[in-house]
């Protein structure tokens, strides 16, 4: 993983990140792995706190987690017994050539230095192996969700990713795409906690953080779809790209 300020911001918030960020629908993970007939050896690249790792383990796969941030990696190890967790990045994984049947990356591909990352992912995959980045993205077709994204300065959308992630370099076939509906249920306080795990919030000055807190609370208290709701159902669109190494 590359290390701009935003990418380095999550470690101190590891526990909140793991608590508030949504899990991945199993249908999306099955599609990403192209329905293997046997348990696969999977690398969870930029694994963070292990949200994707645990989803893959639940499907019966053998998972190696690779994560550069020591705080995120420590939380992953503490919450995911028995998983093999390695210090490493998308551009330099501590794994042998042809090690994996698949490499998945949850909420992380946009942080990668793409050209060296593509080469490194291809090196770690066996011939015919799968690379699949996956994102949980808020469903901004719902008006209050779109407003929440504006307040929290959340930029990634389904359309933006499909327009900007067009290929994975010469080592991979053209990508296929799939989208899966998903929801998570949050209390009103949880929704504010979720916003506080965003990189824009974590790197903002305290005055800006206070402004965001105020605007989120105002949205919760005034929007007709939210004012009387607790808990709140937050809709997502889980977007997955899948490509194969020839």
Protein backbone atom coordinates (compact mmCIF):
# COMPACT_ATOMS: atom_id res chain seq x y z
CA UNK A 1 0.00 0.00 0.00
CA UNK A 2 1.23 3.48 -0.73
CA UNK A 3 1.52 5.86 2.21
CA UNK A 4 -0.17 9.21 1.61
CA UNK A 5 -1.46 10.89 4.72
CA UNK A 6 -4.89 9.32 4.31
CA UNK A 7 -3.55 5.79 4.09
CA UNK A 8 -1.50 6.28 7.26
CA UNK A 9 -4.43 7.70 9.23
CA UNK A 10 -6.35 4.53 10.09
CA UNK A 11 -4.01 2.82 12.58
CA UNK A 12 -4.90 4.90 15.68
CA UNK A 13 -8.61 4.33 14.89
CA UNK A 14 -8.25 0.56 14.33
CA UNK A 15 -10.77 -0.51 16.98
CA UNK A 16 -13.43 1.94 15.75
CA UNK A 17 -12.71 1.02 12.12
CA UNK A 18 -13.33 -2.64 12.91
CA UNK A 19 -16.45 -1.84 14.94
CA UNK A 20 -18.23 0.50 12.54
CA UNK A 21 -17.16 -0.43 9.02
CA UNK A 22 -19.52 -2.82 7.19
CA UNK A 23 -18.76 -6.47 6.49
CA UNK A 24 -18.85 -7.90 2.97
CA UNK A 25 -21.78 -9.92 1.61
CA UNK A 26 -20.81 -13.53 1.08
CA UNK A 27 -22.32 -13.51 -2.40
CA UNK A 28 -19.78 -10.85 -3.41
CA UNK A 29 -16.88 -12.87 -1.99
CA UNK A 30 -18.04 -16.03 -3.75
CA UNK A 31 -18.29 -14.15 -7.04
CA UNK A 32 -14.87 -12.56 -6.54
CA UNK A 33 -13.33 -16.01 -6.14
CA UNK A 34 -15.17 -17.31 -9.21
CA UNK A 35 -16.87 -20.06 -7.22
CA UNK A 36 -13.85 -22.31 -6.46
CA UNK A 37 -14.76 -25.97 -6.05
CA UNK A 38 -12.22 -26.30 -3.22
CA UNK A 39 -10.87 -24.08 -0.46
CA UNK A 40 -8.55 -21.51 -2.01
CA UNK A 41 -5.29 -20.07 -0.74
CA UNK A 42 -6.20 -16.39 -0.58
CA UNK A 43 -4.16 -13.29 0.21
CA UNK A 44 -6.12 -10.46 1.83
CA UNK A 45 -3.98 -7.56 0.64
CA UNK A 46 -3.99 -4.38 2.75
CA UNK A 47 -6.10 -6.38 5.16
CA UNK A 48 -6.61 -3.63 7.73
CA UNK A 49 -8.34 -4.96 10.84
CA UNK A 50 -9.36 -8.22 9.18
CA UNK A 51 -12.95 -7.53 8.14
CA UNK A 52 -12.45 -9.17 4.74
CA UNK A 53 -10.13 -11.81 6.22
CA UNK A 54 -12.87 -13.04 8.54
CA UNK A 55 -15.39 -13.12 5.71
CA UNK A 56 -13.07 -15.31 3.65
CA UNK A 57 -12.31 -17.58 6.61
CA UNK A 58 -16.06 -18.05 7.15
CA UNK A 59 -16.27 -19.44 3.61
CA UNK A 60 -13.61 -22.02 4.44
CA UNK A 61 -10.61 -20.52 2.64
CA UNK A 62 -7.00 -20.44 3.79
CA UNK A 63 -6.17 -16.77 4.26
CA UNK A 64 -2.88 -14.92 4.57
CA UNK A 65 -3.33 -11.29 5.62
CA UNK A 66 -0.81 -8.68 4.43
CA UNK A 67 -1.04 -5.25 6.08
CA UNK A 68 1.57 -2.47 6.42
CA UNK A 69 0.13 -0.57 9.39
CA UNK A 70 1.27 -2.13 12.69
CA UNK A 71 -1.76 -0.92 14.66
CA UNK A 72 -4.22 -2.29 12.12
CA UNK A 73 -2.26 -5.55 11.89
CA UNK A 74 -2.17 -5.93 15.69
CA UNK A 75 -5.94 -5.49 15.87
CA UNK A 76 -6.37 -8.07 13.09
CA UNK A 77 -4.27 -10.62 14.97
CA UNK A 78 -6.12 -9.94 18.25
CA UNK A 79 -9.57 -10.38 16.69
CA UNK A 80 -8.82 -13.17 14.20
CA UNK A 81 -7.23 -16.14 15.97
CA UNK A 82 -5.06 -18.42 13.90
CA UNK A 83 -4.72 -16.18 10.87
CA UNK A 84 -1.28 -15.69 9.33
CA UNK A 85 -0.65 -11.92 9.27
CA UNK A 86 2.39 -10.47 7.53
CA UNK A 87 3.87 -6.98 7.43
CA UNK A 88 3.91 -5.97 3.79
CA UNK A 89 2.42 -3.78 1.10
CA UNK A 90 0.78 -4.16 -2.28
CA UNK A 91 4.07 -3.24 -3.92
CA UNK A 92 6.15 -5.65 -1.80
CA UNK A 93 4.57 -8.78 -0.32
CA UNK A 94 6.67 -11.17 1.81
CA UNK A 95 5.35 -14.18 -0.12
CA UNK A 96 6.92 -16.54 -2.69
CA UNK A 97 6.19 -16.59 -6.41
CA UNK A 98 2.96 -18.36 -7.33
CA UNK A 99 1.88 -18.61 -3.70
CA UNK A 100 -1.81 -17.71 -4.00
CA UNK A 101 -4.88 -18.89 -5.83
CA UNK A 102 -6.39 -15.43 -5.33
CA UNK A 103 -5.52 -11.97 -4.04
CA UNK A 104 -8.38 -9.81 -2.74
CA UNK A 105 -8.22 -6.20 -1.58
CA UNK A 106 -11.07 -4.69 0.43
CA UNK A 107 -11.49 -0.89 0.45
CA UNK A 108 -7.80 -0.55 -0.44
CA UNK A 109 -7.04 -0.62 -4.15
CA UNK A 110 -7.26 3.17 -4.53
CA UNK A 111 -4.28 3.51 -2.14
CA UNK A 112 -2.00 1.30 -4.27
CA UNK A 113 0.82 2.51 -6.49
CA UNK A 114 -0.81 0.68 -9.36
CA UNK A 115 2.02 -0.26 -11.76
CA UNK A 116 4.34 -1.89 -9.18
CA UNK A 117 1.36 -3.31 -7.29
CA UNK A 118 0.02 -5.03 -10.41
CA UNK A 119 3.43 -6.59 -11.05
CA UNK A 120 3.73 -7.76 -7.44
CA UNK A 121 0.22 -9.21 -7.35
CA UNK A 122 0.91 -11.08 -10.59
CA UNK A 123 4.13 -12.47 -9.11
CA UNK A 124 2.36 -13.83 -6.02
CA UNK A 125 -0.48 -15.42 -8.01
CA UNK A 126 -0.27 -18.84 -9.62
CA UNK A 127 -1.12 -19.06 -13.35
CA UNK A 128 -4.89 -18.71 -13.66
CA UNK A 129 -5.09 -16.99 -10.27
CA UNK A 130 -7.61 -14.28 -9.47
CA UNK A 131 -7.16 -10.68 -8.43
CA UNK A 132 -10.32 -9.04 -7.08
CA UNK A 133 -10.58 -5.62 -5.44
CA UNK A 134 -13.86 -5.07 -3.59
CA UNK A 135 -15.55 -1.98 -2.14
CA UNK A 136 -18.51 -1.36 0.12
CA UNK A 137 -19.91 1.93 -1.20
CA UNK A 138 -22.83 3.85 0.24
CA UNK A 139 -25.91 3.80 -1.99
CA UNK A 140 -26.07 7.49 -2.85
CA UNK A 141 -29.25 7.01 -4.85
CA UNK A 142 -30.83 7.48 -1.39
CA UNK A 143 -30.90 11.23 -0.75
CA UNK A 144 -29.87 11.24 2.92
CA UNK A 145 -26.95 8.91 2.12
CA UNK A 146 -25.78 11.29 -0.60
CA UNK A 147 -25.94 14.15 1.91
CA UNK A 148 -23.96 12.13 4.45
CA UNK A 149 -21.26 11.55 1.84
CA UNK A 150 -21.09 15.27 1.11
CA UNK A 151 -20.74 16.10 4.80
CA UNK A 152 -18.03 13.47 5.35
CA UNK A 153 -16.23 14.26 2.06
CA UNK A 154 -16.52 10.68 0.85
CA UNK A 155 -15.56 10.66 -2.81
CA UNK A 156 -15.60 7.06 -4.01
CA UNK A 157 -18.73 6.02 -5.88
CA UNK A 158 -19.67 3.07 -8.08
CA UNK A 159 -19.55 5.23 -11.23
CA UNK A 160 -16.21 6.83 -10.30
CA UNK A 161 -14.51 3.50 -9.67
CA UNK A 162 -15.83 1.89 -12.83
CA UNK A 163 -14.61 4.87 -14.84
CA UNK A 164 -11.15 5.06 -13.26
CA UNK A 165 -10.34 1.38 -12.70
CA UNK A 166 -10.29 0.16 -16.28
CA UNK A 167 -7.53 -2.45 -16.29
CA UNK A 168 -4.93 -4.11 -14.10
CA UNK A 169 -1.97 -3.95 -16.43
CA UNK A 170 -0.50 -6.30 -19.00
CA UNK A 171 -0.26 -9.23 -16.59
CA UNK A 172 -4.05 -9.54 -16.27
CA UNK A 173 -7.10 -10.09 -18.43
CA UNK A 174 -9.66 -7.27 -18.75
CA UNK A 175 -11.75 -7.05 -15.58
CA UNK A 176 -15.30 -8.23 -15.07
CA UNK A 177 -17.57 -6.29 -12.70
CA UNK A 178 -20.42 -7.23 -10.41
CA UNK A 179 -22.50 -5.31 -7.88
CA UNK A 180 -24.34 -6.67 -4.84
CA UNK A 181 -26.92 -4.93 -2.64
CA UNK A 182 -25.96 -4.76 1.00
CA UNK A 183 -27.09 -3.06 4.20
CA UNK A 184 -25.79 -2.50 7.70
CA UNK A 185 -27.76 -1.52 10.79
CA UNK A 186 -26.37 1.25 13.00
CA UNK A 187 -27.52 3.25 15.97
CA UNK A 188 -27.45 7.02 15.60
CA UNK A 189 -24.21 7.14 17.60
CA UNK A 190 -22.77 4.35 15.43
CA UNK A 191 -23.41 6.40 12.30
CA UNK A 192 -21.35 9.24 13.74
CA UNK A 193 -18.71 6.69 14.75
CA UNK A 194 -18.61 5.42 11.16
CA UNK A 195 -18.01 8.92 9.80
CA UNK A 196 -15.17 9.34 12.28
CA UNK A 197 -13.32 6.40 10.67
CA UNK A 198 -13.03 8.17 7.30
CA UNK A 199 -9.57 9.35 6.27
CA UNK A 200 -10.77 12.93 5.65
CA UNK A 201 -12.08 13.08 9.20
CA UNK A 202 -9.04 11.45 10.79
CA UNK A 203 -6.63 13.86 9.10
CA UNK A 204 -8.75 17.00 9.62
CA UNK A 205 -8.07 19.73 12.16
CA UNK A 206 -10.14 19.54 15.38
CA UNK A 207 -12.28 22.50 14.28
CA UNK A 208 -13.17 20.71 11.04
CA UNK A 209 -13.92 17.49 12.92
CA UNK A 210 -16.27 19.41 15.22
CA UNK A 211 -18.01 20.92 12.20
CA UNK A 212 -18.53 17.48 10.64
CA UNK A 213 -19.89 16.11 13.94
CA UNK A 214 -22.36 19.00 14.12
CA UNK A 215 -23.53 18.55 10.54
CA UNK A 216 -24.01 14.78 10.93
CA UNK A 217 -26.06 15.31 14.09
CA UNK A 218 -28.11 17.96 12.31
CA UNK A 219 -28.77 15.54 9.44
CA UNK A 220 -29.86 12.87 11.92
CA UNK A 221 -32.20 15.26 13.71
CA UNK A 222 -33.77 17.02 10.74
CA UNK A 223 -33.98 14.66 7.77
CA UNK A 224 -37.46 13.12 7.63
CA UNK A 225 -36.09 9.65 6.87
CA UNK A 226 -33.84 9.76 9.94
CA UNK A 227 -35.36 11.96 12.64
CA UNK A 228 -37.44 9.20 14.22
CA UNK A 229 -35.22 6.26 13.29
CA UNK A 230 -32.98 4.37 15.72
CA UNK A 231 -31.47 2.07 14.64
CA UNK A 232 -30.84 3.19 11.07
CA UNK A 233 -30.43 0.96 8.03
CA UNK A 234 -27.58 2.24 5.87
CA UNK A 235 -27.76 0.90 2.29
CA UNK A 236 -24.61 -0.05 0.40
CA UNK A 237 -23.65 -1.16 -3.09
CA UNK A 238 -20.84 -3.72 -2.87
CA UNK A 239 -18.77 -3.41 -6.03
CA UNK A 240 -16.32 -6.10 -7.10
CA UNK A 241 -13.90 -6.30 -10.00
CA UNK A 242 -12.43 -9.67 -10.97
CA UNK A 243 -9.56 -10.48 -13.29
CA UNK A 244 -7.39 -13.54 -13.98
CA UNK A 245 -3.67 -13.94 -14.50
CA UNK A 246 -3.32 -15.90 -17.77
